[in-house]
Amino acid sequence: MRALLQRVSEASVAVDGEVIGQCGRGLLILVCAMQGDAEADAERLAAKIAKLRIFPDEAGKMNRCLTDIGGSALVISQFTLAADTSRGNRPGFSTAADPETGKRLYDYFAGKIAGLGIATEKGRFGADMKVSLVNDGPVTIWMEG
């Protein structure tokens, strides 16, 4: 699985003008299931993200994790993280998991994040979503797992 993490002060996602998910201080997590991914990959990635020390401590050093700060998460499915731009000018997405597998792993991943005691909200798989965020830092991190 691939994820793009953005440390945020706040984030929200809307579908058809209606906010369907939001978070306060924490992480906006854009996630993509890749071909061959399974539940174990989602579990491993969720555990790593929850423990990733990217929030400042009292001295301003990135030394705290999402659970240390009592932060929340907004998890958004984003198959375009599978983009292959190695040829031509149009990205290919053939390495992304098929939609059924992608949705299953997306839901599973979000459930694992929530299961780690993190307040978690989601976007809507396959929908045209409008994501708003206030990037804190900015801190943006690419992960595969």
N, C-alpha and C. Protein backbone atom coordinates (compact mmCIF):
# COMPACT_ATOMS: atom_id res chain seq x y z
N MET A 1 0.85 -1.18 0.00
CA MET A 1 0.00 0.00 0.00
C MET A 1 0.89 1.23 0.00
N ARG A 2 0.36 2.26 -0.57
CA ARG A 2 1.05 3.55 -0.60
C ARG A 2 0.21 4.56 0.16
N ALA A 3 0.91 5.48 0.82
CA ALA A 3 0.22 6.55 1.53
C ALA A 3 1.01 7.83 1.42
N LEU A 4 0.29 8.92 1.34
CA LEU A 4 0.87 10.24 1.42
C LEU A 4 0.26 10.90 2.65
N LEU A 5 1.13 11.24 3.60
CA LEU A 5 0.68 11.81 4.86
C LEU A 5 0.90 13.31 4.84
N GLN A 6 -0.07 14.04 5.30
CA GLN A 6 0.08 15.47 5.47
C GLN A 6 -0.30 15.81 6.89
N ARG A 7 0.67 16.38 7.62
CA ARG A 7 0.38 16.83 8.98
C ARG A 7 -0.49 18.07 8.85
N VAL A 8 -1.64 18.06 9.53
CA VAL A 8 -2.60 19.14 9.37
C VAL A 8 -3.04 19.74 10.70
N SER A 9 -3.46 20.99 10.61
CA SER A 9 -4.15 21.62 11.74
C SER A 9 -5.62 21.24 11.68
N GLU A 10 -6.12 21.09 10.42
CA GLU A 10 -7.49 20.64 10.19
C GLU A 10 -7.60 20.20 8.74
N ALA A 11 -8.55 19.33 8.48
CA ALA A 11 -8.82 18.87 7.12
C ALA A 11 -10.27 18.41 7.03
N SER A 12 -10.80 18.50 5.82
CA SER A 12 -12.17 18.02 5.60
C SER A 12 -12.30 17.53 4.17
N VAL A 13 -13.32 16.70 3.95
CA VAL A 13 -13.61 16.20 2.61
C VAL A 13 -15.11 16.34 2.37
N ALA A 14 -15.45 16.81 1.16
CA ALA A 14 -16.85 17.00 0.79
C ALA A 14 -17.16 16.24 -0.49
N VAL A 15 -18.38 15.75 -0.57
CA VAL A 15 -18.91 15.12 -1.78
C VAL A 15 -20.22 15.83 -2.09
N ASP A 16 -20.37 16.31 -3.31
CA ASP A 16 -21.57 17.04 -3.73
C ASP A 16 -21.91 18.19 -2.78
N GLY A 17 -20.87 18.89 -2.33
CA GLY A 17 -21.07 20.06 -1.47
C GLY A 17 -21.33 19.77 -0.01
N GLU A 18 -21.38 18.49 0.36
CA GLU A 18 -21.65 18.11 1.75
C GLU A 18 -20.39 17.53 2.39
N VAL A 19 -19.97 18.10 3.54
CA VAL A 19 -18.81 17.58 4.26
C VAL A 19 -19.17 16.21 4.83
N ILE A 20 -18.37 15.21 4.45
CA ILE A 20 -18.65 13.85 4.91
C ILE A 20 -17.60 13.32 5.88
N GLY A 21 -16.49 14.06 6.03
CA GLY A 21 -15.44 13.65 6.95
C GLY A 21 -14.55 14.83 7.26
N GLN A 22 -14.01 14.83 8.48
CA GLN A 22 -13.12 15.91 8.88
C GLN A 22 -12.26 15.48 10.05
N CYS A 23 -11.17 16.22 10.24
CA CYS A 23 -10.33 15.98 11.41
C CYS A 23 -9.74 17.29 11.86
N GLY A 24 -9.32 17.33 13.10
CA GLY A 24 -8.60 18.47 13.65
C GLY A 24 -7.11 18.20 13.52
N ARG A 25 -6.36 18.60 14.52
CA ARG A 25 -4.91 18.40 14.51
C ARG A 25 -4.61 16.91 14.34
N GLY A 26 -3.81 16.61 13.34
CA GLY A 26 -3.47 15.22 13.09
C GLY A 26 -2.96 15.01 11.69
N LEU A 27 -3.52 14.00 11.02
CA LEU A 27 -3.03 13.62 9.70
C LEU A 27 -4.16 13.50 8.68
N LEU A 28 -3.91 14.03 7.51
CA LEU A 28 -4.68 13.69 6.32
C LEU A 28 -3.89 12.56 5.67
N ILE A 29 -4.52 11.42 5.50
CA ILE A 29 -3.84 10.25 4.94
C ILE A 29 -4.50 9.88 3.62
N LEU A 30 -3.76 10.11 2.53
CA LEU A 30 -4.20 9.68 1.21
C LEU A 30 -3.62 8.29 1.02
N VAL A 31 -4.46 7.32 0.68
CA VAL A 31 -4.00 5.93 0.65
C VAL A 31 -4.45 5.23 -0.63
N CYS A 32 -3.57 4.34 -1.12
CA CYS A 32 -3.83 3.59 -2.36
C CYS A 32 -3.41 2.14 -2.18
N ALA A 33 -4.31 1.23 -2.45
CA ALA A 33 -3.96 -0.19 -2.47
C ALA A 33 -3.37 -0.52 -3.84
N MET A 34 -2.28 -1.27 -3.82
CA MET A 34 -1.59 -1.65 -5.04
C MET A 34 -1.87 -3.12 -5.34
N GLN A 35 -1.65 -3.52 -6.59
CA GLN A 35 -1.83 -4.93 -6.94
C GLN A 35 -0.96 -5.78 -6.02
N GLY A 36 -1.53 -6.85 -5.53
CA GLY A 36 -0.81 -7.78 -4.65
C GLY A 36 -0.89 -7.43 -3.18
N ASP A 37 -1.46 -6.28 -2.84
CA ASP A 37 -1.58 -5.91 -1.43
C ASP A 37 -2.64 -6.76 -0.74
N ALA A 38 -2.45 -6.94 0.56
CA ALA A 38 -3.38 -7.73 1.37
C ALA A 38 -3.57 -7.02 2.71
N GLU A 39 -4.42 -7.60 3.55
CA GLU A 39 -4.71 -7.01 4.85
C GLU A 39 -3.46 -6.80 5.68
N ALA A 40 -2.49 -7.72 5.59
CA ALA A 40 -1.25 -7.58 6.36
C ALA A 40 -0.51 -6.29 5.98
N ASP A 41 -0.56 -5.91 4.71
CA ASP A 41 0.08 -4.66 4.28
C ASP A 41 -0.62 -3.46 4.89
N ALA A 42 -1.94 -3.50 4.93
CA ALA A 42 -2.72 -2.41 5.53
C ALA A 42 -2.43 -2.29 7.02
N GLU A 43 -2.35 -3.42 7.71
CA GLU A 43 -2.06 -3.43 9.15
C GLU A 43 -0.69 -2.84 9.43
N ARG A 44 0.30 -3.27 8.66
CA ARG A 44 1.67 -2.81 8.85
C ARG A 44 1.77 -1.30 8.62
N LEU A 45 1.13 -0.82 7.55
CA LEU A 45 1.17 0.61 7.24
C LEU A 45 0.46 1.42 8.33
N ALA A 46 -0.69 0.96 8.78
CA ALA A 46 -1.43 1.67 9.83
C ALA A 46 -0.60 1.76 11.11
N ALA A 47 0.03 0.67 11.50
CA ALA A 47 0.85 0.65 12.72
C ALA A 47 2.03 1.61 12.60
N LYS A 48 2.66 1.62 11.44
CA LYS A 48 3.82 2.51 11.22
C LYS A 48 3.38 3.98 11.26
N ILE A 49 2.27 4.30 10.62
CA ILE A 49 1.78 5.68 10.60
C ILE A 49 1.44 6.15 12.02
N ALA A 50 0.79 5.31 12.79
CA ALA A 50 0.38 5.69 14.15
C ALA A 50 1.59 5.99 15.03
N LYS A 51 2.73 5.35 14.76
CA LYS A 51 3.94 5.52 15.59
C LYS A 51 4.93 6.51 15.00
N LEU A 52 4.66 7.04 13.83
CA LEU A 52 5.59 7.94 13.15
C LEU A 52 5.72 9.25 13.93
N ARG A 53 6.93 9.57 14.33
CA ARG A 53 7.17 10.75 15.17
C ARG A 53 7.40 11.98 14.29
N ILE A 54 6.30 12.65 13.95
CA ILE A 54 6.38 13.82 13.07
C ILE A 54 5.69 15.05 13.67
N PHE A 55 5.33 14.97 14.94
CA PHE A 55 4.71 16.10 15.63
C PHE A 55 5.70 16.67 16.64
N PRO A 56 5.68 17.98 16.82
CA PRO A 56 6.69 18.60 17.68
C PRO A 56 6.47 18.33 19.17
N ASP A 57 7.60 18.21 19.87
CA ASP A 57 7.57 18.13 21.33
C ASP A 57 7.71 19.55 21.88
N GLU A 58 7.94 19.68 23.19
CA GLU A 58 8.04 20.99 23.83
C GLU A 58 9.20 21.81 23.27
N ALA A 59 10.24 21.14 22.78
CA ALA A 59 11.41 21.83 22.24
C ALA A 59 11.26 22.12 20.74
N GLY A 60 10.12 21.72 20.15
CA GLY A 60 9.90 21.97 18.74
C GLY A 60 10.48 20.91 17.82
N LYS A 61 11.03 19.84 18.37
CA LYS A 61 11.59 18.76 17.56
C LYS A 61 10.50 17.76 17.21
N MET A 62 10.56 17.21 16.00
CA MET A 62 9.58 16.18 15.61
C MET A 62 9.90 14.92 16.40
N ASN A 63 9.20 14.75 17.50
CA ASN A 63 9.50 13.68 18.43
C ASN A 63 8.26 13.00 18.99
N ARG A 64 7.08 13.41 18.52
CA ARG A 64 5.83 12.83 19.02
C ARG A 64 5.05 12.21 17.87
N CYS A 65 4.29 11.18 18.20
CA CYS A 65 3.48 10.50 17.19
C CYS A 65 2.02 10.93 17.34
N LEU A 66 1.21 10.47 16.42
CA LEU A 66 -0.21 10.83 16.37
C LEU A 66 -0.92 10.48 17.68
N THR A 67 -0.63 9.32 18.22
CA THR A 67 -1.29 8.92 19.47
C THR A 67 -0.78 9.73 20.65
N ASP A 68 0.51 10.15 20.63
CA ASP A 68 1.05 10.98 21.72
C ASP A 68 0.31 12.29 21.85
N ILE A 69 -0.09 12.88 20.71
CA ILE A 69 -0.73 14.20 20.75
C ILE A 69 -2.25 14.11 20.82
N GLY A 70 -2.79 12.89 20.80
CA GLY A 70 -4.24 12.73 20.80
C GLY A 70 -4.85 13.24 19.51
N GLY A 71 -4.09 13.12 18.42
CA GLY A 71 -4.53 13.63 17.13
C GLY A 71 -5.56 12.74 16.46
N SER A 72 -6.13 13.27 15.38
CA SER A 72 -7.13 12.53 14.62
C SER A 72 -6.66 12.34 13.19
N ALA A 73 -7.40 11.55 12.43
CA ALA A 73 -7.01 11.24 11.06
C ALA A 73 -8.21 11.34 10.14
N LEU A 74 -7.93 11.83 8.93
CA LEU A 74 -8.90 11.81 7.85
C LEU A 74 -8.27 10.95 6.76
N VAL A 75 -8.91 9.82 6.45
CA VAL A 75 -8.36 8.85 5.49
C VAL A 75 -9.14 8.95 4.19
N ILE A 76 -8.41 9.21 3.10
CA ILE A 76 -9.00 9.41 1.78
C ILE A 76 -8.40 8.40 0.81
N SER A 77 -9.25 7.71 0.07
CA SER A 77 -8.75 6.79 -0.97
C SER A 77 -8.27 7.61 -2.15
N GLN A 78 -7.10 7.24 -2.69
CA GLN A 78 -6.54 7.99 -3.81
C GLN A 78 -5.74 7.06 -4.72
N PHE A 79 -6.44 6.47 -5.70
CA PHE A 79 -5.78 5.52 -6.59
C PHE A 79 -4.70 6.17 -7.43
N THR A 80 -4.72 7.50 -7.57
CA THR A 80 -3.70 8.17 -8.39
C THR A 80 -2.31 8.11 -7.76
N LEU A 81 -2.20 7.66 -6.51
CA LEU A 81 -0.88 7.43 -5.93
C LEU A 81 -0.15 6.29 -6.64
N ALA A 82 -0.88 5.52 -7.44
CA ALA A 82 -0.28 4.43 -8.21
C ALA A 82 0.24 4.90 -9.57
N ALA A 83 0.20 6.20 -9.82
CA ALA A 83 0.55 6.74 -11.14
C ALA A 83 1.95 6.31 -11.59
N ASP A 84 2.01 5.84 -12.82
CA ASP A 84 3.28 5.54 -13.48
C ASP A 84 3.47 6.62 -14.54
N THR A 85 4.48 7.45 -14.35
CA THR A 85 4.74 8.56 -15.26
C THR A 85 6.01 8.34 -16.07
N SER A 86 6.46 7.09 -16.15
CA SER A 86 7.74 6.80 -16.81
C SER A 86 7.68 6.91 -18.33
N ARG A 87 6.49 6.83 -18.91
CA ARG A 87 6.37 6.93 -20.37
C ARG A 87 5.31 7.93 -20.75
N GLY A 88 5.62 8.74 -21.72
CA GLY A 88 4.64 9.67 -22.26
C GLY A 88 4.22 10.73 -21.28
N ASN A 89 3.10 11.36 -21.60
CA ASN A 89 2.60 12.47 -20.79
C ASN A 89 1.31 12.14 -20.05
N ARG A 90 0.81 10.94 -20.23
CA ARG A 90 -0.42 10.53 -19.55
C ARG A 90 -0.06 9.44 -18.55
N PRO A 91 -0.32 9.66 -17.26
CA PRO A 91 0.02 8.64 -16.27
C PRO A 91 -0.80 7.37 -16.46
N GLY A 92 -0.20 6.25 -16.13
CA GLY A 92 -0.90 4.97 -16.13
C GLY A 92 -1.15 4.53 -14.70
N PHE A 93 -2.24 3.82 -14.49
CA PHE A 93 -2.62 3.40 -13.14
C PHE A 93 -2.79 1.89 -13.03
N SER A 94 -2.15 1.15 -13.92
CA SER A 94 -2.34 -0.30 -13.97
C SER A 94 -1.79 -1.03 -12.75
N THR A 95 -0.95 -0.39 -11.95
CA THR A 95 -0.40 -1.06 -10.77
C THR A 95 -1.31 -0.91 -9.54
N ALA A 96 -2.37 -0.10 -9.66
CA ALA A 96 -3.33 0.02 -8.55
C ALA A 96 -4.14 -1.27 -8.45
N ALA A 97 -4.58 -1.58 -7.26
CA ALA A 97 -5.45 -2.74 -7.06
C ALA A 97 -6.77 -2.50 -7.80
N ASP A 98 -7.45 -3.58 -8.16
CA ASP A 98 -8.76 -3.43 -8.78
C ASP A 98 -9.71 -2.76 -7.78
N PRO A 99 -10.78 -2.13 -8.27
CA PRO A 99 -11.66 -1.36 -7.38
C PRO A 99 -12.22 -2.15 -6.19
N GLU A 100 -12.60 -3.38 -6.40
CA GLU A 100 -13.15 -4.17 -5.28
C GLU A 100 -12.11 -4.38 -4.19
N THR A 101 -10.91 -4.77 -4.58
CA THR A 101 -9.83 -4.97 -3.62
C THR A 101 -9.43 -3.64 -2.99
N GLY A 102 -9.36 -2.59 -3.81
CA GLY A 102 -8.99 -1.28 -3.31
C GLY A 102 -9.93 -0.80 -2.22
N LYS A 103 -11.24 -0.95 -2.45
CA LYS A 103 -12.22 -0.51 -1.45
C LYS A 103 -12.11 -1.34 -0.18
N ARG A 104 -11.97 -2.64 -0.34
CA ARG A 104 -11.86 -3.52 0.83
C ARG A 104 -10.64 -3.14 1.68
N LEU A 105 -9.50 -2.93 1.03
CA LEU A 105 -8.28 -2.60 1.77
C LEU A 105 -8.32 -1.18 2.34
N TYR A 106 -8.95 -0.27 1.62
CA TYR A 106 -9.12 1.10 2.12
C TYR A 106 -9.94 1.09 3.42
N ASP A 107 -11.08 0.39 3.40
CA ASP A 107 -11.92 0.30 4.59
C ASP A 107 -11.18 -0.41 5.73
N TYR A 108 -10.45 -1.46 5.39
CA TYR A 108 -9.70 -2.22 6.39
C TYR A 108 -8.63 -1.32 7.02
N PHE A 109 -7.89 -0.59 6.18
CA PHE A 109 -6.84 0.31 6.66
C PHE A 109 -7.43 1.36 7.61
N ALA A 110 -8.50 2.02 7.20
CA ALA A 110 -9.14 3.04 8.05
C ALA A 110 -9.60 2.43 9.37
N GLY A 111 -10.12 1.21 9.32
CA GLY A 111 -10.52 0.51 10.55
C GLY A 111 -9.35 0.23 11.46
N LYS A 112 -8.21 -0.10 10.88
CA LYS A 112 -7.01 -0.37 11.68
C LYS A 112 -6.50 0.92 12.34
N ILE A 113 -6.54 2.03 11.60
CA ILE A 113 -6.14 3.31 12.20
C ILE A 113 -7.06 3.62 13.39
N ALA A 114 -8.35 3.49 13.19
CA ALA A 114 -9.32 3.74 14.27
C ALA A 114 -9.10 2.77 15.43
N GLY A 115 -8.78 1.52 15.11
CA GLY A 115 -8.55 0.51 16.13
C GLY A 115 -7.34 0.78 17.00
N LEU A 116 -6.47 1.67 16.55
CA LEU A 116 -5.30 2.05 17.33
C LEU A 116 -5.61 3.22 18.28
N GLY A 117 -6.89 3.55 18.40
CA GLY A 117 -7.32 4.59 19.33
C GLY A 117 -7.27 5.99 18.74
N ILE A 118 -7.22 6.09 17.42
CA ILE A 118 -7.15 7.38 16.74
C ILE A 118 -8.53 7.71 16.19
N ALA A 119 -9.06 8.87 16.56
CA ALA A 119 -10.34 9.31 15.99
C ALA A 119 -10.16 9.42 14.49
N THR A 120 -10.97 8.66 13.74
CA THR A 120 -10.77 8.53 12.29
C THR A 120 -12.07 8.77 11.54
N GLU A 121 -11.97 9.59 10.50
CA GLU A 121 -13.08 9.77 9.58
C GLU A 121 -12.57 9.48 8.19
N LYS A 122 -13.49 9.26 7.24
CA LYS A 122 -13.12 8.82 5.90
C LYS A 122 -13.81 9.65 4.83
N GLY A 123 -13.24 9.53 3.64
CA GLY A 123 -13.90 10.04 2.46
C GLY A 123 -14.82 8.95 1.92
N ARG A 124 -15.22 9.06 0.67
CA ARG A 124 -16.08 8.05 0.04
C ARG A 124 -15.33 7.46 -1.14
N PHE A 125 -15.07 6.17 -1.06
CA PHE A 125 -14.31 5.47 -2.09
C PHE A 125 -14.95 5.66 -3.46
N GLY A 126 -14.14 6.05 -4.42
CA GLY A 126 -14.60 6.18 -5.80
C GLY A 126 -15.36 7.45 -6.12
N ALA A 127 -15.61 8.29 -5.11
CA ALA A 127 -16.38 9.52 -5.34
C ALA A 127 -15.46 10.64 -5.80
N ASP A 128 -16.06 11.64 -6.44
CA ASP A 128 -15.35 12.87 -6.76
C ASP A 128 -15.39 13.71 -5.49
N MET A 129 -14.25 13.80 -4.82
CA MET A 129 -14.17 14.45 -3.51
C MET A 129 -13.43 15.77 -3.61
N LYS A 130 -13.81 16.70 -2.77
CA LYS A 130 -13.12 17.97 -2.62
C LYS A 130 -12.49 17.96 -1.23
N VAL A 131 -11.17 17.98 -1.20
CA VAL A 131 -10.43 17.89 0.06
C VAL A 131 -9.85 19.27 0.40
N SER A 132 -10.10 19.71 1.61
CA SER A 132 -9.55 20.97 2.11
C SER A 132 -8.66 20.66 3.30
N LEU A 133 -7.54 21.39 3.40
CA LEU A 133 -6.65 21.14 4.52
C LEU A 133 -5.83 22.37 4.82
N VAL A 134 -5.39 22.43 6.07
CA VAL A 134 -4.38 23.40 6.47
C VAL A 134 -3.17 22.56 6.85
N ASN A 135 -2.17 22.55 5.94
CA ASN A 135 -0.97 21.76 6.14
C ASN A 135 -0.14 22.44 7.22
N ASP A 136 0.23 21.68 8.23
CA ASP A 136 0.97 22.19 9.37
C ASP A 136 2.45 21.92 9.17
N GLY A 137 3.21 22.95 8.96
CA GLY A 137 4.66 22.80 8.81
C GLY A 137 5.22 23.55 7.61
N PRO A 138 5.00 23.16 6.42
CA PRO A 138 4.28 21.95 6.00
C PRO A 138 5.12 20.70 6.22
N VAL A 139 4.43 19.62 6.57
CA VAL A 139 5.06 18.31 6.69
C VAL A 139 4.25 17.35 5.81
N THR A 140 4.91 16.80 4.79
CA THR A 140 4.29 15.86 3.88
C THR A 140 5.25 14.69 3.69
N ILE A 141 4.76 13.47 3.93
CA ILE A 141 5.62 12.29 3.89
C ILE A 141 4.99 11.19 3.04
N TRP A 142 5.81 10.61 2.17
CA TRP A 142 5.42 9.50 1.29
C TRP A 142 5.81 8.19 1.98
N MET A 143 4.91 7.22 2.00
CA MET A 143 5.21 5.92 2.62
C MET A 143 4.71 4.79 1.74
N GLU A 144 5.43 3.69 1.78
CA GLU A 144 4.97 2.44 1.17
C GLU A 144 5.09 1.37 2.25
N GLY A 145 4.16 0.44 2.23
CA GLY A 145 4.24 -0.59 3.25
C GLY A 145 3.44 -1.79 2.99
